[in-house]
Protein backbone atom coordinates (compact mmCIF):
# COMPACT_ATOMS: atom_id res chain seq x y z
CA MET A 1 21.94 -9.78 55.25
CA ASN A 2 19.56 -12.26 53.73
CA ASN A 3 16.96 -14.13 55.75
CA GLN A 4 18.67 -17.53 55.36
CA ASN A 5 21.90 -16.30 57.04
CA ASN A 6 19.87 -14.59 59.77
CA LEU A 7 17.91 -17.81 60.41
CA SER A 8 21.11 -19.89 60.53
CA ALA A 9 22.77 -17.50 62.99
CA ARG A 10 19.69 -17.51 65.23
CA LEU A 11 19.48 -21.30 65.06
CA VAL A 12 23.13 -21.76 66.07
CA ALA A 13 22.87 -19.18 68.87
CA GLY A 14 19.68 -20.82 70.15
CA ILE A 15 21.15 -24.33 70.13
CA VAL A 16 24.30 -23.16 71.94
CA LEU A 17 22.24 -21.41 74.64
CA ILE A 18 19.95 -24.42 75.11
CA ALA A 19 22.94 -26.78 75.39
CA LEU A 20 24.74 -24.51 77.89
CA GLY A 21 21.56 -24.09 79.94
CA ALA A 22 21.00 -27.86 80.03
CA LEU A 23 24.62 -28.52 81.06
CA PHE A 24 24.49 -25.91 83.84
CA LEU A 25 21.15 -27.31 85.05
CA LEU A 26 22.55 -30.86 85.18
CA ASP A 27 25.59 -29.50 87.07
CA ASN A 28 23.35 -27.70 89.59
CA TYR A 29 21.52 -30.96 90.37
CA GLY A 30 24.80 -32.88 90.72
CA ILE A 31 24.12 -35.19 87.77
CA ILE A 32 27.29 -34.15 85.93
CA ASN A 33 30.29 -31.99 86.75
CA PHE A 34 30.32 -29.14 84.24
CA SER A 35 32.11 -25.82 84.43
CA LEU A 36 33.54 -23.32 81.99
CA PRO A 37 36.98 -21.82 82.48
CA ASN A 38 36.79 -18.55 84.43
CA PHE A 39 38.80 -16.64 81.84
CA LEU A 40 35.89 -16.90 79.38
CA PHE A 41 33.91 -14.46 81.50
CA HIS A 42 36.47 -11.64 81.43
CA TRP A 43 35.18 -8.61 79.51
CA GLU A 44 37.99 -8.82 76.96
CA TYR A 45 36.88 -12.28 75.84
CA ILE A 46 33.26 -11.19 75.76
CA LEU A 47 34.17 -8.26 73.48
CA ILE A 48 36.15 -10.57 71.21
CA GLY A 49 33.24 -13.03 71.09
CA ILE A 50 30.74 -10.32 70.19
CA GLY A 51 33.15 -8.99 67.56
CA ILE A 52 33.52 -12.44 65.98
CA TYR A 53 29.74 -12.83 65.96
CA ILE A 54 29.31 -9.45 64.22
CA LEU A 55 32.01 -10.31 61.67
CA SER A 56 30.29 -13.59 60.84
CA THR A 57 26.73 -12.29 60.61
CA SER A 58 26.92 -8.68 59.44
CA GLN A 59 27.87 -7.14 56.14
CA ASN A 60 29.30 -4.14 57.99
CA LYS A 61 32.54 -5.50 59.46
CA THR A 62 33.75 -2.27 61.10
CA ALA A 63 32.00 -2.76 64.45
CA GLY A 64 33.24 -6.36 64.74
CA ILE A 65 36.82 -5.38 63.99
CA ILE A 66 36.70 -2.55 66.55
CA LEU A 67 35.37 -4.83 69.31
CA ILE A 68 37.96 -7.52 68.56
CA ALA A 69 40.75 -4.93 68.54
CA VAL A 70 39.68 -3.40 71.87
CA GLY A 71 39.42 -6.83 73.51
CA ALA A 72 42.71 -8.08 72.09
CA LEU A 73 44.61 -4.91 72.98
CA ASN A 74 43.45 -5.19 76.59
CA LEU A 75 44.45 -8.86 76.73
CA PHE A 76 47.89 -8.15 75.30
CA PRO A 77 48.74 -4.53 76.23
CA GLY A 78 52.27 -4.77 74.83
CA SER A 79 51.01 -5.50 71.34
CA TRP A 80 49.46 -2.09 70.61
CA PRO A 81 51.86 -1.50 67.67
CA LEU A 82 49.96 -4.26 65.87
CA LEU A 83 47.04 -1.83 65.74
CA LEU A 84 49.18 0.58 63.72
CA VAL A 85 50.33 -2.23 61.42
CA GLY A 86 46.74 -3.39 60.92
CA LEU A 87 45.47 0.12 60.28
CA GLY A 88 48.21 0.74 57.72
CA ALA A 89 47.46 -2.55 55.95
CA TYR A 90 43.76 -1.73 55.95
CA ILE A 91 44.38 1.67 54.37
CA ILE A 92 46.60 0.16 51.67
CA LEU A 93 44.41 -2.84 50.89
CA LYS A 94 40.99 -1.23 51.33
CA ARG A 95 38.82 -1.67 48.30
CA ASN A 96 36.64 1.25 47.30
CA SER A 97 33.24 0.85 48.85
CA SER A 98 30.43 0.34 46.37
CA VAL A 99 28.17 2.40 48.63
CA ASN A 100 30.35 5.50 48.34
CA ASN A 101 30.90 5.19 44.59
CA TYR A 102 27.37 4.19 43.62
CA VAL A 103 25.81 6.35 40.92
CA ASP A 104 22.30 5.50 39.77
CA PRO A 105 21.57 6.73 36.24
CA ASN A 106 17.84 6.84 37.10
CA PHE A 107 18.30 9.03 40.21
CA VAL A 108 16.13 12.14 40.26
CA SER A 109 17.20 14.85 42.70
CA THR A 110 14.51 16.70 44.61
CA GLY A 111 16.51 19.91 44.38
CA GLU A 112 16.45 20.50 48.14
CA THR A 113 19.75 21.80 49.46
CA GLU A 114 18.97 23.14 52.92
CA SER A 115 21.11 21.84 55.74
CA THR A 116 22.51 22.98 59.07
CA ASP A 117 25.70 22.25 60.98
CA SER A 118 24.06 19.36 62.83
CA GLU A 119 22.41 17.89 59.81
CA THR A 120 23.77 16.95 56.42
CA GLN A 121 21.89 16.52 53.18
CA ASN A 122 22.18 13.02 51.70
CA THR A 123 20.77 12.56 48.23
CA ASN A 124 22.08 9.03 47.63
CA ASP A 125 19.84 6.04 47.21
CA ILE A 126 21.89 4.08 49.77
CA ILE A 127 22.84 5.18 53.29
CA ASP A 128 25.97 4.05 55.16
CA ASP A 129 26.44 5.67 58.55
CA VAL A 130 28.73 4.74 61.46
CA SER A 131 28.45 6.57 64.80
CA ILE A 132 31.00 5.78 67.50
CA PHE A 133 30.88 7.82 70.72
CA GLY A 134 28.75 10.43 68.99
CA GLY A 135 26.11 10.84 66.38
CA GLY A 136 24.41 13.12 63.98
CA THR A 137 21.39 13.79 61.87
CA LYS A 138 21.06 12.73 58.25
CA ARG A 139 18.35 13.79 55.83
CA VAL A 140 17.79 11.37 52.96
CA THR A 141 16.02 12.74 49.90
CA SER A 142 15.79 10.12 47.22
CA ASN A 143 13.09 9.11 44.78
CA ASN A 144 14.49 5.57 44.68
CA PHE A 145 15.78 4.76 48.20
CA LYS A 146 17.20 1.22 48.36
CA GLY A 147 18.40 0.87 51.97
CA GLY A 148 21.80 0.72 53.58
CA LYS A 149 23.69 0.17 56.81
CA LEU A 150 23.57 2.00 60.15
CA THR A 151 26.06 1.26 62.95
CA ALA A 152 25.94 2.89 66.40
CA ILE A 153 28.42 2.12 69.20
CA PHE A 154 27.99 4.31 72.30
CA GLY A 155 26.21 6.81 70.07
CA GLY A 156 23.40 7.10 67.60
CA SER A 157 22.13 8.55 64.38
CA GLU A 158 18.92 10.28 63.53
CA VAL A 159 17.83 9.67 59.94
CA HIS A 160 14.96 11.54 58.31
CA PHE A 161 13.22 10.10 55.25
CA GLU A 162 10.32 12.58 54.92
CA ASN A 163 10.90 13.42 51.25
CA SER A 164 12.03 9.98 50.12
CA LEU A 165 10.32 7.32 48.05
CA LEU A 166 11.19 3.65 48.36
CA LYS A 167 12.55 1.62 45.49
CA LYS A 168 10.07 -0.89 44.17
CA LYS A 169 10.69 -4.49 45.32
CA LYS A 170 13.19 -4.92 48.18
CA ASN A 171 14.35 -2.22 50.62
CA GLU A 172 16.53 -3.14 53.57
CA ILE A 173 18.32 -1.18 56.27
CA GLU A 174 20.81 -3.26 58.22
CA GLN A 175 21.48 -1.90 61.68
CA TYR A 176 23.85 -2.71 64.51
CA ARG A 177 23.51 -1.08 67.92
CA SER A 178 25.71 -1.44 70.97
CA ASN A 179 25.13 0.76 74.01
CA GLY A 180 23.60 3.45 71.84
């Protein structure tokens, strides 16, 4: 995510919080009568709101979609078959990820191949890892590491970069954590 989008998201979130705080303060002193509907504070709506925020600000949309789906399915328990329809449509329409198919002609392997059951060898220049209710250990060995995306929901990932060199210019790891 570039800095301009991050700044815009922070600005909007800050303005909304300041406005809500001011309205609640004026309500507490009896200057105005302000209240939000009680249903907005149910956990399903909070999950949907966080999911929408993640979808709008993050390049990794998976966590946002999961949170929206969990919130919506708990709001409308009879609509669980829509999850199957959505999953099927996603599988059919999913474009191949550029992260998984990326091949750098200038990549130089370090030749290291050791790995254990709990750790996997990753020799790509870009990392993309999602951990939901679990986690793992990744070892990145790249002479031109560019960055990537890490997502952890009720879990976590351990990433080792000991034998890696950063790409010249810009390197960025986007991360999303929730209860992990």
